Amino acid sequence: MTRPRLVFIDDDPQELTDLGKIVGDDYDYKPVRWPVAEPIERSIGAAPAIFVLDLYFPRATGVAPDAISEAAKAAQSGAAKKLTQRLSHL
């Protein structure tokens, strides 16, 4: 059985790595560093079942990326893991 493809687009390489560790066993994971140097379609490749666009939005909230606490990141990572479990049927 083919695993569903998950494409995660983010500007933070650590977030790309962290999410890959969480979902890598369950999904065909494709991290894409933003901004991309090529057309986004080429970066993504095959059509995904799920898109994730950025985990944290510090620029939109006026909070510097390094001001996000490790506890907040851990809580959001835990929430992401729960979400992947809920979507495991895909």
N, C-alpha and C. Protein backbone atom coordinates (compact mmCIF):
# COMPACT_ATOMS: atom_id res chain seq x y z
N MET A 1 0.83 -1.19 0.00
CA MET A 1 0.00 0.00 0.00
C MET A 1 0.87 1.24 0.00
N THR A 2 0.53 2.19 -0.81
CA THR A 2 1.28 3.43 -0.93
C THR A 2 0.94 4.38 0.21
N ARG A 3 1.96 4.97 0.78
CA ARG A 3 1.74 5.95 1.84
C ARG A 3 1.27 7.26 1.23
N PRO A 4 0.38 8.00 1.92
CA PRO A 4 -0.04 9.29 1.40
C PRO A 4 1.14 10.26 1.40
N ARG A 5 1.13 11.14 0.43
CA ARG A 5 2.21 12.11 0.27
C ARG A 5 1.86 13.39 1.02
N LEU A 6 2.78 13.85 1.86
CA LEU A 6 2.61 15.08 2.61
C LEU A 6 3.70 16.05 2.19
N VAL A 7 3.29 17.22 1.73
CA VAL A 7 4.24 18.27 1.35
C VAL A 7 4.17 19.36 2.41
N PHE A 8 5.31 19.70 2.96
CA PHE A 8 5.41 20.74 3.98
C PHE A 8 6.29 21.86 3.44
N ILE A 9 5.74 23.05 3.35
CA ILE A 9 6.47 24.21 2.84
C ILE A 9 6.71 25.16 4.00
N ASP A 10 7.98 25.49 4.24
CA ASP A 10 8.31 26.36 5.36
C ASP A 10 9.63 27.06 5.08
N ASP A 11 9.84 28.19 5.74
CA ASP A 11 11.10 28.92 5.58
C ASP A 11 12.12 28.54 6.64
N ASP A 12 11.73 27.74 7.61
CA ASP A 12 12.62 27.35 8.70
C ASP A 12 13.07 25.90 8.51
N PRO A 13 14.36 25.68 8.22
CA PRO A 13 14.82 24.31 7.98
C PRO A 13 14.66 23.40 9.19
N GLN A 14 14.73 23.95 10.39
CA GLN A 14 14.55 23.12 11.58
C GLN A 14 13.12 22.59 11.67
N GLU A 15 12.15 23.42 11.33
CA GLU A 15 10.76 22.98 11.33
C GLU A 15 10.53 21.89 10.28
N LEU A 16 11.18 22.03 9.13
CA LEU A 16 11.08 21.00 8.10
C LEU A 16 11.60 19.67 8.63
N THR A 17 12.72 19.72 9.32
CA THR A 17 13.33 18.52 9.90
C THR A 17 12.45 17.94 11.00
N ASP A 18 11.97 18.81 11.90
CA ASP A 18 11.15 18.34 13.02
C ASP A 18 9.88 17.64 12.55
N LEU A 19 9.17 18.24 11.59
CA LEU A 19 7.95 17.61 11.12
C LEU A 19 8.26 16.30 10.41
N GLY A 20 9.36 16.26 9.69
CA GLY A 20 9.76 15.03 9.02
C GLY A 20 9.98 13.89 10.01
N LYS A 21 10.55 14.20 11.17
CA LYS A 21 10.76 13.18 12.21
C LYS A 21 9.42 12.68 12.74
N ILE A 22 8.43 13.55 12.80
CA ILE A 22 7.12 13.17 13.34
C ILE A 22 6.34 12.32 12.35
N VAL A 23 6.35 12.70 11.09
CA VAL A 23 5.47 12.04 10.11
C VAL A 23 6.17 11.09 9.15
N GLY A 24 7.50 11.04 9.21
CA GLY A 24 8.27 10.28 8.24
C GLY A 24 7.95 8.82 8.13
N ASP A 25 7.50 8.20 9.23
CA ASP A 25 7.18 6.77 9.18
C ASP A 25 5.82 6.50 8.54
N ASP A 26 4.96 7.51 8.56
CA ASP A 26 3.58 7.31 8.11
C ASP A 26 3.27 7.92 6.75
N TYR A 27 4.09 8.86 6.32
CA TYR A 27 3.81 9.58 5.08
C TYR A 27 5.02 9.58 4.16
N ASP A 28 4.77 9.69 2.88
CA ASP A 28 5.81 9.99 1.90
C ASP A 28 6.04 11.49 2.05
N TYR A 29 7.01 11.86 2.85
CA TYR A 29 7.22 13.25 3.28
C TYR A 29 8.12 14.01 2.32
N LYS A 30 7.65 15.16 1.88
CA LYS A 30 8.43 16.01 0.98
C LYS A 30 8.55 17.40 1.59
N PRO A 31 9.71 17.73 2.19
CA PRO A 31 9.90 19.08 2.70
C PRO A 31 10.34 20.02 1.58
N VAL A 32 9.82 21.24 1.61
CA VAL A 32 10.18 22.24 0.60
C VAL A 32 10.56 23.52 1.34
N ARG A 33 11.79 23.96 1.17
CA ARG A 33 12.27 25.20 1.81
C ARG A 33 11.78 26.39 0.99
N TRP A 34 11.12 27.32 1.68
CA TRP A 34 10.60 28.54 1.05
C TRP A 34 11.56 29.68 1.29
N PRO A 35 11.81 30.54 0.37
CA PRO A 35 11.31 30.54 -1.00
C PRO A 35 12.07 29.53 -1.85
N VAL A 36 11.41 29.07 -2.87
CA VAL A 36 12.01 28.08 -3.76
C VAL A 36 12.63 28.78 -4.96
N ALA A 37 13.69 28.18 -5.48
CA ALA A 37 14.38 28.77 -6.62
C ALA A 37 13.76 28.37 -7.95
N GLU A 38 12.89 27.37 -7.92
CA GLU A 38 12.26 26.87 -9.13
C GLU A 38 10.75 26.96 -8.98
N PRO A 39 10.00 26.73 -10.04
CA PRO A 39 8.54 26.74 -9.90
C PRO A 39 8.10 25.77 -8.81
N ILE A 40 7.15 26.18 -7.99
CA ILE A 40 6.72 25.38 -6.85
C ILE A 40 6.24 24.00 -7.27
N GLU A 41 5.61 23.89 -8.43
CA GLU A 41 5.15 22.59 -8.92
C GLU A 41 6.32 21.62 -9.09
N ARG A 42 7.44 22.12 -9.55
CA ARG A 42 8.62 21.28 -9.74
C ARG A 42 9.21 20.88 -8.39
N SER A 43 9.17 21.79 -7.42
CA SER A 43 9.68 21.49 -6.08
C SER A 43 8.85 20.41 -5.40
N ILE A 44 7.55 20.46 -5.62
CA ILE A 44 6.64 19.53 -4.95
C ILE A 44 6.69 18.15 -5.57
N GLY A 45 6.74 18.09 -6.89
CA GLY A 45 6.73 16.79 -7.56
C GLY A 45 5.33 16.24 -7.65
N ALA A 46 5.15 14.98 -7.27
CA ALA A 46 3.84 14.32 -7.37
C ALA A 46 2.80 15.03 -6.50
N ALA A 47 1.57 14.95 -6.90
CA ALA A 47 0.49 15.62 -6.16
C ALA A 47 0.38 15.04 -4.75
N PRO A 48 0.34 15.91 -3.74
CA PRO A 48 0.24 15.43 -2.37
C PRO A 48 -1.21 15.21 -1.93
N ALA A 49 -1.36 14.40 -0.91
CA ALA A 49 -2.65 14.24 -0.26
C ALA A 49 -2.88 15.38 0.72
N ILE A 50 -1.77 15.89 1.30
CA ILE A 50 -1.85 16.93 2.32
C ILE A 50 -0.75 17.97 2.08
N PHE A 51 -1.12 19.24 2.24
CA PHE A 51 -0.17 20.35 2.26
C PHE A 51 -0.12 20.90 3.67
N VAL A 52 1.06 21.20 4.16
CA VAL A 52 1.22 21.94 5.40
C VAL A 52 2.02 23.17 5.03
N LEU A 53 1.47 24.33 5.35
CA LEU A 53 2.13 25.58 5.02
C LEU A 53 2.51 26.31 6.29
N ASP A 54 3.74 26.12 6.72
CA ASP A 54 4.31 26.80 7.87
C ASP A 54 3.63 26.38 9.17
N LEU A 55 4.42 26.10 10.18
CA LEU A 55 3.87 25.76 11.49
C LEU A 55 3.70 26.99 12.36
N TYR A 56 4.61 27.93 12.25
CA TYR A 56 4.59 29.13 13.08
C TYR A 56 4.55 30.35 12.17
N PHE A 57 3.87 31.37 12.59
CA PHE A 57 3.77 32.59 11.80
C PHE A 57 4.26 33.79 12.60
N PRO A 58 5.53 33.80 13.00
CA PRO A 58 6.02 34.89 13.84
C PRO A 58 6.01 36.25 13.15
N ARG A 59 6.26 36.28 11.86
CA ARG A 59 6.27 37.58 11.17
C ARG A 59 4.87 38.19 11.13
N ALA A 60 3.87 37.36 10.98
CA ALA A 60 2.50 37.85 10.93
C ALA A 60 2.04 38.37 12.29
N THR A 61 2.60 37.83 13.37
CA THR A 61 2.20 38.25 14.71
C THR A 61 3.15 39.29 15.29
N GLY A 62 4.22 39.58 14.57
CA GLY A 62 5.19 40.54 15.06
C GLY A 62 6.17 39.95 16.07
N VAL A 63 6.16 38.63 16.23
CA VAL A 63 7.06 37.96 17.16
C VAL A 63 8.26 37.41 16.40
N ALA A 64 9.44 37.68 16.88
CA ALA A 64 10.65 37.17 16.23
C ALA A 64 10.67 35.65 16.33
N PRO A 65 11.15 34.95 15.29
CA PRO A 65 11.16 33.48 15.32
C PRO A 65 11.87 32.90 16.54
N ASP A 66 12.96 33.53 16.98
CA ASP A 66 13.68 32.99 18.13
C ASP A 66 13.00 33.29 19.46
N ALA A 67 11.92 34.06 19.43
CA ALA A 67 11.18 34.38 20.65
C ALA A 67 10.11 33.34 20.97
N ILE A 68 9.88 32.41 20.08
CA ILE A 68 8.91 31.35 20.33
C ILE A 68 9.55 30.35 21.28
N SER A 69 8.92 30.11 22.40
CA SER A 69 9.51 29.25 23.42
C SER A 69 9.60 27.81 22.95
N GLU A 70 10.54 27.10 23.52
CA GLU A 70 10.68 25.67 23.22
C GLU A 70 9.43 24.93 23.67
N ALA A 71 8.82 25.36 24.77
CA ALA A 71 7.60 24.71 25.25
C ALA A 71 6.47 24.88 24.23
N ALA A 72 6.36 26.07 23.65
CA ALA A 72 5.32 26.32 22.64
C ALA A 72 5.58 25.47 21.40
N LYS A 73 6.83 25.37 21.01
CA LYS A 73 7.17 24.53 19.86
C LYS A 73 6.86 23.07 20.15
N ALA A 74 7.19 22.62 21.36
CA ALA A 74 6.92 21.23 21.73
C ALA A 74 5.42 20.96 21.76
N ALA A 75 4.65 21.90 22.26
CA ALA A 75 3.20 21.73 22.29
C ALA A 75 2.63 21.64 20.89
N GLN A 76 3.11 22.49 19.99
CA GLN A 76 2.63 22.44 18.62
C GLN A 76 3.09 21.18 17.93
N SER A 77 4.29 20.70 18.24
CA SER A 77 4.77 19.45 17.66
C SER A 77 3.90 18.29 18.13
N GLY A 78 3.52 18.30 19.40
CA GLY A 78 2.63 17.27 19.93
C GLY A 78 1.28 17.29 19.24
N ALA A 79 0.77 18.50 19.00
CA ALA A 79 -0.50 18.63 18.30
C ALA A 79 -0.37 18.12 16.87
N ALA A 80 0.76 18.37 16.22
CA ALA A 80 0.98 17.88 14.86
C ALA A 80 1.01 16.35 14.84
N LYS A 81 1.63 15.73 15.84
CA LYS A 81 1.67 14.27 15.92
C LYS A 81 0.27 13.70 16.06
N LYS A 82 -0.54 14.32 16.92
CA LYS A 82 -1.93 13.86 17.10
C LYS A 82 -2.70 13.98 15.79
N LEU A 83 -2.47 15.08 15.07
CA LEU A 83 -3.16 15.28 13.80
C LEU A 83 -2.76 14.20 12.79
N THR A 84 -1.48 13.88 12.73
CA THR A 84 -1.05 12.84 11.78
C THR A 84 -1.68 11.50 12.12
N GLN A 85 -1.84 11.22 13.41
CA GLN A 85 -2.51 9.98 13.80
C GLN A 85 -3.97 9.98 13.37
N ARG A 86 -4.63 11.12 13.49
CA ARG A 86 -6.03 11.22 13.07
C ARG A 86 -6.16 11.08 11.56
N LEU A 87 -5.12 11.46 10.82
CA LEU A 87 -5.18 11.40 9.36
C LEU A 87 -4.55 10.13 8.80
N SER A 88 -4.22 9.19 9.66
CA SER A 88 -3.50 8.00 9.21
C SER A 88 -4.31 7.15 8.23
N HIS A 89 -5.60 7.33 8.16
CA HIS A 89 -6.43 6.54 7.25
C HIS A 89 -6.26 6.97 5.80
N LEU A 90 -5.62 8.10 5.55
CA LEU A 90 -5.48 8.59 4.17
C LEU A 90 -4.52 7.73 3.37
